[in-house]
Amino acid sequence: MNTYFGLLAEFNGRAELPLDEVAPRYFGVSPRTASTRAGAQALPVPVYRAGDSQKSPWLVSAVDLAAFLDERREEARTMWKRVNE
């Protein structure tokens, strides 16, 4: 299955995902830590606010997250092959 479509299914068809929902599952950090890192653009994917307000939630594109996950999976596959072949 395509990673992007898997994310769409997981997040009920939303293509722009709230960082608060993504961070614990995919980055292993709390929403608060993720928000702090987002302000410094110190996360493994680009994050942005849709609105001009500081109170607007941070968002992650499902396209960017899928690309990140695919890269990580390929890195793991390469390492596995090195060890097991």
PDB file of N, CA and C in Angstrom:
ATOM      1  N   MET A   1       0.842  -1.178   0.000  1.00  0.00           N
ATOM      2  CA  MET A   1       0.000   0.000   0.000  1.00  0.00           C
ATOM      3  C   MET A   1       0.890   1.245   0.000  1.00  0.00           C
ATOM      4  N   ASN A   2       0.483   2.235  -0.688  1.00  0.00           N
ATOM      5  CA  ASN A   2       1.177   3.503  -0.741  1.00  0.00           C
ATOM      6  C   ASN A   2       1.085   4.188   0.628  1.00  0.00           C
ATOM      7  N   THR A   3       2.210   4.676   1.138  1.00  0.00           N
ATOM      8  CA  THR A   3       2.255   5.296   2.463  1.00  0.00           C
ATOM      9  C   THR A   3       1.320   6.499   2.556  1.00  0.00           C
ATOM     10  N   TYR A   4       1.295   7.300   1.523  1.00  0.00           N
ATOM     11  CA  TYR A   4       0.422   8.476   1.524  1.00  0.00           C
ATOM     12  C   TYR A   4      -1.039   8.078   1.715  1.00  0.00           C
ATOM     13  N   PHE A   5      -1.496   7.084   0.972  1.00  0.00           N
ATOM     14  CA  PHE A   5      -2.891   6.663   1.089  1.00  0.00           C
ATOM     15  C   PHE A   5      -3.163   6.017   2.446  1.00  0.00           C
ATOM     16  N   GLY A   6      -2.174   5.350   3.000  1.00  0.00           N
ATOM     17  CA  GLY A   6      -2.313   4.812   4.351  1.00  0.00           C
ATOM     18  C   GLY A   6      -2.511   5.919   5.368  1.00  0.00           C
ATOM     19  N   LEU A   7      -1.760   7.003   5.218  1.00  0.00           N
ATOM     20  CA  LEU A   7      -1.927   8.146   6.120  1.00  0.00           C
ATOM     21  C   LEU A   7      -3.289   8.791   5.940  1.00  0.00           C
ATOM     22  N   LEU A   8      -3.728   8.916   4.697  1.00  0.00           N
ATOM     23  CA  LEU A   8      -5.065   9.472   4.462  1.00  0.00           C
ATOM     24  C   LEU A   8      -6.125   8.633   5.161  1.00  0.00           C
ATOM     25  N   ALA A   9      -5.989   7.322   5.078  1.00  0.00           N
ATOM     26  CA  ALA A   9      -6.957   6.439   5.742  1.00  0.00           C
ATOM     27  C   ALA A   9      -6.878   6.606   7.260  1.00  0.00           C
ATOM     28  N   GLU A  10      -5.671   6.670   7.791  1.00  0.00           N
ATOM     29  CA  GLU A  10      -5.499   6.804   9.245  1.00  0.00           C
ATOM     30  C   GLU A  10      -6.074   8.108   9.772  1.00  0.00           C
ATOM     31  N   PHE A  11      -5.927   9.168   9.004  1.00  0.00           N
ATOM     32  CA  PHE A  11      -6.368  10.491   9.451  1.00  0.00           C
ATOM     33  C   PHE A  11      -7.661  10.931   8.773  1.00  0.00           C
ATOM     34  N   ASN A  12      -8.505   9.973   8.443  1.00  0.00           N
ATOM     35  CA  ASN A  12      -9.851  10.239   7.910  1.00  0.00           C
ATOM     36  C   ASN A  12      -9.863  11.154   6.689  1.00  0.00           C
ATOM     37  N   GLY A  13      -8.943  10.932   5.779  1.00  0.00           N
ATOM     38  CA  GLY A  13      -8.932  11.665   4.528  1.00  0.00           C
ATOM     39  C   GLY A  13      -8.308  13.038   4.577  1.00  0.00           C
ATOM     40  N   ARG A  14      -7.807  13.444   5.728  1.00  0.00           N
ATOM     41  CA  ARG A  14      -7.186  14.771   5.839  1.00  0.00           C
ATOM     42  C   ARG A  14      -5.786  14.737   5.232  1.00  0.00           C
ATOM     43  N   ALA A  15      -5.486  15.680   4.372  1.00  0.00           N
ATOM     44  CA  ALA A  15      -4.163  15.754   3.750  1.00  0.00           C
ATOM     45  C   ALA A  15      -3.213  16.635   4.560  1.00  0.00           C
ATOM     46  N   GLU A  16      -3.758  17.501   5.374  1.00  0.00           N
ATOM     47  CA  GLU A  16      -2.971  18.357   6.260  1.00  0.00           C
ATOM     48  C   GLU A  16      -3.254  17.897   7.683  1.00  0.00           C
ATOM     49  N   LEU A  17      -2.224  17.442   8.371  1.00  0.00           N
ATOM     50  CA  LEU A  17      -2.392  16.755   9.649  1.00  0.00           C
ATOM     51  C   LEU A  17      -1.936  17.626  10.813  1.00  0.00           C
ATOM     52  N   PRO A  18      -2.712  17.672  11.887  1.00  0.00           N
ATOM     53  CA  PRO A  18      -2.296  18.441  13.062  1.00  0.00           C
ATOM     54  C   PRO A  18      -1.044  17.827  13.694  1.00  0.00           C
ATOM     55  N   LEU A  19      -0.068  18.658  13.949  1.00  0.00           N
ATOM     56  CA  LEU A  19       1.179  18.188  14.553  1.00  0.00           C
ATOM     57  C   LEU A  19       0.927  17.481  15.876  1.00  0.00           C
ATOM     58  N   ASP A  20      -0.058  17.948  16.635  1.00  0.00           N
ATOM     59  CA  ASP A  20      -0.378  17.326  17.925  1.00  0.00           C
ATOM     60  C   ASP A  20      -0.737  15.850  17.780  1.00  0.00           C
ATOM     61  N   GLU A  21      -1.317  15.464  16.660  1.00  0.00           N
ATOM     62  CA  GLU A  21      -1.691  14.068  16.431  1.00  0.00           C
ATOM     63  C   GLU A  21      -0.540  13.263  15.830  1.00  0.00           C
ATOM     64  N   VAL A  22       0.306  13.912  15.069  1.00  0.00           N
ATOM     65  CA  VAL A  22       1.394  13.234  14.366  1.00  0.00           C
ATOM     66  C   VAL A  22       2.601  12.993  15.279  1.00  0.00           C
ATOM     67  N   ALA A  23       2.937  13.976  16.093  1.00  0.00           N
ATOM     68  CA  ALA A  23       4.183  13.962  16.862  1.00  0.00           C
ATOM     69  C   ALA A  23       4.368  12.739  17.762  1.00  0.00           C
ATOM     70  N   PRO A  24       3.403  12.377  18.596  1.00  0.00           N
ATOM     71  CA  PRO A  24       3.651  11.225  19.470  1.00  0.00           C
ATOM     72  C   PRO A  24       3.852   9.922  18.691  1.00  0.00           C
ATOM     73  N   ARG A  25       3.077   9.728  17.671  1.00  0.00           N
ATOM     74  CA  ARG A  25       3.118   8.461  16.942  1.00  0.00           C
ATOM     75  C   ARG A  25       4.327   8.337  16.014  1.00  0.00           C
ATOM     76  N   TYR A  26       4.654   9.396  15.305  1.00  0.00           N
ATOM     77  CA  TYR A  26       5.683   9.301  14.274  1.00  0.00           C
ATOM     78  C   TYR A  26       7.023   9.934  14.635  1.00  0.00           C
ATOM     79  N   PHE A  27       7.037  10.849  15.598  1.00  0.00           N
ATOM     80  CA  PHE A  27       8.291  11.482  15.983  1.00  0.00           C
ATOM     81  C   PHE A  27       8.725  11.115  17.398  1.00  0.00           C
ATOM     82  N   GLY A  28       7.849  10.462  18.147  1.00  0.00           N
ATOM     83  CA  GLY A  28       8.197  10.016  19.487  1.00  0.00           C
ATOM     84  C   GLY A  28       8.383  11.134  20.492  1.00  0.00           C
ATOM     85  N   VAL A  29       7.713  12.238  20.279  1.00  0.00           N
ATOM     86  CA  VAL A  29       7.787  13.354  21.221  1.00  0.00           C
ATOM     87  C   VAL A  29       6.377  13.807  21.576  1.00  0.00           C
ATOM     88  N   SER A  30       6.265  14.480  22.696  1.00  0.00           N
ATOM     89  CA  SER A  30       4.965  14.980  23.122  1.00  0.00           C
ATOM     90  C   SER A  30       4.534  16.137  22.219  1.00  0.00           C
ATOM     91  N   PRO A  31       3.228  16.407  22.185  1.00  0.00           N
ATOM     92  CA  PRO A  31       2.767  17.557  21.405  1.00  0.00           C
ATOM     93  C   PRO A  31       3.433  18.868  21.830  1.00  0.00           C
ATOM     94  N   ARG A  32       3.672  19.028  23.100  1.00  0.00           N
ATOM     95  CA  ARG A  32       4.304  20.261  23.592  1.00  0.00           C
ATOM     96  C   ARG A  32       5.740  20.392  23.071  1.00  0.00           C
ATOM     97  N   THR A  33       6.499  19.299  23.157  1.00  0.00           N
ATOM     98  CA  THR A  33       7.869  19.304  22.636  1.00  0.00           C
ATOM     99  C   THR A  33       7.867  19.539  21.135  1.00  0.00           C
ATOM    100  N   ALA A  34       6.942  18.902  20.438  1.00  0.00           N
ATOM    101  CA  ALA A  34       6.853  19.078  18.987  1.00  0.00           C
ATOM    102  C   ALA A  34       6.547  20.525  18.627  1.00  0.00           C
ATOM    103  N   SER A  35       5.682  21.154  19.375  1.00  0.00           N
ATOM    104  CA  SER A  35       5.339  22.549  19.120  1.00  0.00           C
ATOM    105  C   SER A  35       6.552  23.455  19.300  1.00  0.00           C
ATOM    106  N   THR A  36       7.328  23.190  20.331  1.00  0.00           N
ATOM    107  CA  THR A  36       8.552  23.962  20.566  1.00  0.00           C
ATOM    108  C   THR A  36       9.527  23.771  19.412  1.00  0.00           C
ATOM    109  N   ARG A  37       9.707  22.529  19.001  1.00  0.00           N
ATOM    110  CA  ARG A  37      10.615  22.242  17.889  1.00  0.00           C
ATOM    111  C   ARG A  37      10.092  22.811  16.568  1.00  0.00           C
ATOM    112  N   ALA A  38       8.776  22.838  16.419  1.00  0.00           N
ATOM    113  CA  ALA A  38       8.187  23.380  15.191  1.00  0.00           C
ATOM    114  C   ALA A  38       8.550  24.846  15.020  1.00  0.00           C
ATOM    115  N   GLY A  39       8.538  25.598  16.113  1.00  0.00           N
ATOM    116  CA  GLY A  39       8.891  27.005  16.046  1.00  0.00           C
ATOM    117  C   GLY A  39      10.305  27.230  15.550  1.00  0.00           C
ATOM    118  N   ALA A  40      11.170  26.255  15.782  1.00  0.00           N
ATOM    119  CA  ALA A  40      12.560  26.347  15.324  1.00  0.00           C
ATOM    120  C   ALA A  40      12.787  25.545  14.039  1.00  0.00           C
ATOM    121  N   GLN A  41      11.715  24.995  13.474  1.00  0.00           N
ATOM    122  CA  GLN A  41      11.806  24.117  12.301  1.00  0.00           C
ATOM    123  C   GLN A  41      12.829  23.006  12.543  1.00  0.00           C
ATOM    124  N   ALA A  42      12.742  22.386  13.736  1.00  0.00           N
ATOM    125  CA  ALA A  42      13.687  21.341  14.137  1.00  0.00           C
ATOM    126  C   ALA A  42      13.023  19.965  14.172  1.00  0.00           C
ATOM    127  N   LEU A  43      12.082  19.741  13.272  1.00  0.00           N
ATOM    128  CA  LEU A  43      11.444  18.439  13.140  1.00  0.00           C
ATOM    129  C   LEU A  43      11.893  17.831  11.817  1.00  0.00           C
ATOM    130  N   PRO A  44      11.717  16.526  11.630  1.00  0.00           N
ATOM    131  CA  PRO A  44      12.211  15.895  10.402  1.00  0.00           C
ATOM    132  C   PRO A  44      11.395  16.206   9.148  1.00  0.00           C
ATOM    133  N   VAL A  45      10.298  16.921   9.289  1.00  0.00           N
ATOM    134  CA  VAL A  45       9.485  17.339   8.138  1.00  0.00           C
ATOM    135  C   VAL A  45       9.116  18.807   8.314  1.00  0.00           C
ATOM    136  N   PRO A  46       8.821  19.493   7.221  1.00  0.00           N
ATOM    137  CA  PRO A  46       8.387  20.886   7.349  1.00  0.00           C
ATOM    138  C   PRO A  46       7.029  20.973   8.049  1.00  0.00           C
ATOM    139  N   VAL A  47       6.876  21.980   8.885  1.00  0.00           N
ATOM    140  CA  VAL A  47       5.592  22.245   9.542  1.00  0.00           C
ATOM    141  C   VAL A  47       5.240  23.715   9.312  1.00  0.00           C
ATOM    142  N   TYR A  48       3.952  24.009   9.378  1.00  0.00           N
ATOM    143  CA  TYR A  48       3.507  25.372   9.102  1.00  0.00           C
ATOM    144  C   TYR A  48       2.187  25.628   9.796  1.00  0.00           C
ATOM    145  N   ARG A  49       1.831  26.875   9.867  1.00  0.00           N
ATOM    146  CA  ARG A  49       0.527  27.287  10.386  1.00  0.00           C
ATOM    147  C   ARG A  49      -0.291  27.789   9.206  1.00  0.00           C
ATOM    148  N   ALA A  50      -1.520  27.350   9.105  1.00  0.00           N
ATOM    149  CA  ALA A  50      -2.373  27.771   7.994  1.00  0.00           C
ATOM    150  C   ALA A  50      -2.814  29.225   8.164  1.00  0.00           C
ATOM    151  N   GLY A  51      -2.961  29.645   9.400  1.00  0.00           N
ATOM    152  CA  GLY A  51      -3.379  31.021   9.665  1.00  0.00           C
ATOM    153  C   GLY A  51      -2.205  31.893  10.061  1.00  0.00           C
ATOM    154  N   ASP A  52      -2.449  33.192  10.154  1.00  0.00           N
ATOM    155  CA  ASP A  52      -1.407  34.141  10.533  1.00  0.00           C
ATOM    156  C   ASP A  52      -1.234  34.254  12.045  1.00  0.00           C
ATOM    157  N   SER A  53      -2.144  33.661  12.793  1.00  0.00           N
ATOM    158  CA  SER A  53      -2.130  33.780  14.242  1.00  0.00           C
ATOM    159  C   SER A  53      -1.167  32.793  14.886  1.00  0.00           C
ATOM    160  N   GLN A  54      -0.553  33.229  15.988  1.00  0.00           N
ATOM    161  CA  GLN A  54       0.291  32.336  16.779  1.00  0.00           C
ATOM    162  C   GLN A  54      -0.527  31.198  17.397  1.00  0.00           C
ATOM    163  N   LYS A  55      -1.825  31.388  17.461  1.00  0.00           N
ATOM    164  CA  LYS A  55      -2.704  30.366  18.042  1.00  0.00           C
ATOM    165  C   LYS A  55      -3.151  29.335  17.022  1.00  0.00           C
ATOM    166  N   SER A  56      -2.858  29.563  15.744  1.00  0.00           N
ATOM    167  CA  SER A  56      -3.198  28.568  14.725  1.00  0.00           C
ATOM    168  C   SER A  56      -2.378  27.308  14.979  1.00  0.00           C
ATOM    169  N   PRO A  57      -2.976  26.142  14.804  1.00  0.00           N
ATOM    170  CA  PRO A  57      -2.227  24.908  15.068  1.00  0.00           C
ATOM    171  C   PRO A  57      -1.159  24.658  14.004  1.00  0.00           C
ATOM    172  N   TRP A  58      -0.103  23.993  14.428  1.00  0.00           N
ATOM    173  CA  TRP A  58       0.931  23.566  13.495  1.00  0.00           C
ATOM    174  C   TRP A  58       0.389  22.411  12.670  1.00  0.00           C
ATOM    175  N   LEU A  59       0.700  22.398  11.384  1.00  0.00           N
ATOM    176  CA  LEU A  59       0.239  21.347  10.482  1.00  0.00           C
ATOM    177  C   LEU A  59       1.419  20.687   9.787  1.00  0.00           C
ATOM    178  N   VAL A  60       1.207  19.424   9.409  1.00  0.00           N
ATOM    179  CA  VAL A  60       2.177  18.645   8.651  1.00  0.00           C
ATOM    180  C   VAL A  60       1.460  18.134   7.414  1.00  0.00           C
ATOM    181  N   SER A  61       2.087  18.258   6.265  1.00  0.00           N
ATOM    182  CA  SER A  61       1.507  17.725   5.040  1.00  0.00           C
ATOM    183  C   SER A  61       1.642  16.209   5.027  1.00  0.00           C
ATOM    184  N   ALA A  62       0.576  15.518   4.676  1.00  0.00           N
ATOM    185  CA  ALA A  62       0.629  14.060   4.574  1.00  0.00           C
ATOM    186  C   ALA A  62       1.640  13.632   3.513  1.00  0.00           C
ATOM    187  N   VAL A  63       1.816  14.436   2.486  1.00  0.00           N
ATOM    188  CA  VAL A  63       2.800  14.137   1.438  1.00  0.00           C
ATOM    189  C   VAL A  63       4.207  14.138   2.033  1.00  0.00           C
ATOM    190  N   ASP A  64       4.520  15.165   2.827  1.00  0.00           N
ATOM    191  CA  ASP A  64       5.848  15.255   3.446  1.00  0.00           C
ATOM    192  C   ASP A  64       6.074  14.137   4.450  1.00  0.00           C
ATOM    193  N   LEU A  65       5.064  13.839   5.257  1.00  0.00           N
ATOM    194  CA  LEU A  65       5.196  12.771   6.239  1.00  0.00           C
ATOM    195  C   LEU A  65       5.373  11.422   5.543  1.00  0.00           C
ATOM    196  N   ALA A  66       4.630  11.172   4.490  1.00  0.00           N
ATOM    197  CA  ALA A  66       4.761   9.910   3.752  1.00  0.00           C
ATOM    198  C   ALA A  66       6.165   9.775   3.162  1.00  0.00           C
ATOM    199  N   ALA A  67       6.696  10.856   2.600  1.00  0.00           N
ATOM    200  CA  ALA A  67       8.053  10.815   2.038  1.00  0.00           C
ATOM    201  C   ALA A  67       9.077  10.523   3.131  1.00  0.00           C
ATOM    202  N   PHE A  68       8.918  11.151   4.298  1.00  0.00           N
ATOM    203  CA  PHE A  68       9.807  10.905   5.428  1.00  0.00           C
ATOM    204  C   PHE A  68       9.746   9.439   5.852  1.00  0.00           C
ATOM    205  N   LEU A  69       8.548   8.897   5.988  1.00  0.00           N
ATOM    206  CA  LEU A  69       8.399   7.506   6.397  1.00  0.00           C
ATOM    207  C   LEU A  69       8.976   6.547   5.362  1.00  0.00           C
ATOM    208  N   ASP A  70       8.770   6.840   4.103  1.00  0.00           N
ATOM    209  CA  ASP A  70       9.334   5.998   3.044  1.00  0.00           C
ATOM    210  C   ASP A  70      10.863   6.012   3.084  1.00  0.00           C
ATOM    211  N   GLU A  71      11.464   7.172   3.322  1.00  0.00           N
ATOM    212  CA  GLU A  71      12.920   7.272   3.442  1.00  0.00           C
ATOM    213  C   GLU A  71      13.434   6.456   4.610  1.00  0.00           C
ATOM    214  N   ARG A  72      12.747   6.568   5.750  1.00  0.00           N
ATOM    215  CA  ARG A  72      13.164   5.814   6.942  1.00  0.00           C
ATOM    216  C   ARG A  72      13.043   4.312   6.707  1.00  0.00           C
ATOM    217  N   ARG A  73      11.978   3.894   6.033  1.00  0.00           N
ATOM    218  CA  ARG A  73      11.791   2.477   5.740  1.00  0.00           C
ATOM    219  C   ARG A  73      12.898   1.976   4.817  1.00  0.00           C
ATOM    220  N   GLU A  74      13.259   2.765   3.824  1.00  0.00           N
ATOM    221  CA  GLU A  74      14.328   2.368   2.901  1.00  0.00           C
ATOM    222  C   GLU A  74      15.669   2.272   3.622  1.00  0.00           C
ATOM    223  N   GLU A  75      15.938   3.196   4.542  1.00  0.00           N
ATOM    224  CA  GLU A  75      17.155   3.123   5.348  1.00  0.00           C
ATOM    225  C   GLU A  75      17.177   1.836   6.167  1.00  0.00           C
ATOM    226  N   ALA A  76      16.063   1.500   6.770  1.00  0.00           N
ATOM    227  CA  ALA A  76      15.971   0.275   7.569  1.00  0.00           C
ATOM    228  C   ALA A  76      16.160  -0.958   6.696  1.00  0.00           C
ATOM    229  N   ARG A  77      15.575  -0.944   5.513  1.00  0.00           N
ATOM    230  CA  ARG A  77      15.707  -2.078   4.590  1.00  0.00           C
ATOM    231  C   ARG A  77      17.171  -2.265   4.181  1.00  0.00           C
ATOM    232  N   THR A  78      17.861  -1.173   3.903  1.00  0.00           N
ATOM    233  CA  THR A  78      19.271  -1.244   3.529  1.00  0.00           C
ATOM    234  C   THR A  78      20.099  -1.816   4.665  1.00  0.00           C
ATOM    235  N   MET A  79      19.867  -1.342   5.871  1.00  0.00           N
ATOM    236  CA  MET A  79      20.598  -1.866   7.038  1.00  0.00           C
ATOM    237  C   MET A  79      20.303  -3.344   7.256  1.00  0.00           C
ATOM    238  N   TRP A  80      19.051  -3.739   7.105  1.00  0.00           N
ATOM    239  CA  TRP A  80      18.666  -5.133   7.290  1.00  0.00           C
ATOM    240  C   TRP A  80      19.391  -6.024   6.282  1.00  0.00           C
ATOM    241  N   LYS A  81      19.457  -5.553   5.034  1.00  0.00           N
ATOM    242  CA  LYS A  81      20.149  -6.342   4.003  1.00  0.00           C
ATOM    243  C   LYS A  81      21.622  -6.491   4.314  1.00  0.00           C
ATOM    244  N   ARG A  82      22.236  -5.445   4.815  1.00  0.00           N
ATOM    245  CA  ARG A  82      23.653  -5.522   5.182  1.00  0.00           C
ATOM    246  C   ARG A  82      23.911  -6.581   6.251  1.00  0.00           C
ATOM    247  N   VAL A  83      23.014  -6.663   7.194  1.00  0.00           N
ATOM    248  CA  VAL A  83      23.167  -7.591   8.306  1.00  0.00           C
ATOM    249  C   VAL A  83      22.787  -9.017   7.917  1.00  0.00           C
ATOM    250  N   ASN A  84      21.783  -9.164   7.081  1.00  0.00           N
ATOM    251  CA  ASN A  84      21.203 -10.484   6.817  1.00  0.00           C
ATOM    252  C   ASN A  84      21.598 -11.111   5.482  1.00  0.00           C
ATOM    253  N   GLU A  85      22.424 -10.471   4.717  1.00  0.00           N
ATOM    254  CA  GLU A  85      22.821 -11.086   3.438  1.00  0.00           C
ATOM    255  C   GLU A  85      24.279 -11.369   3.403  1.00  0.00           C
TER     256      GLU A  85
END
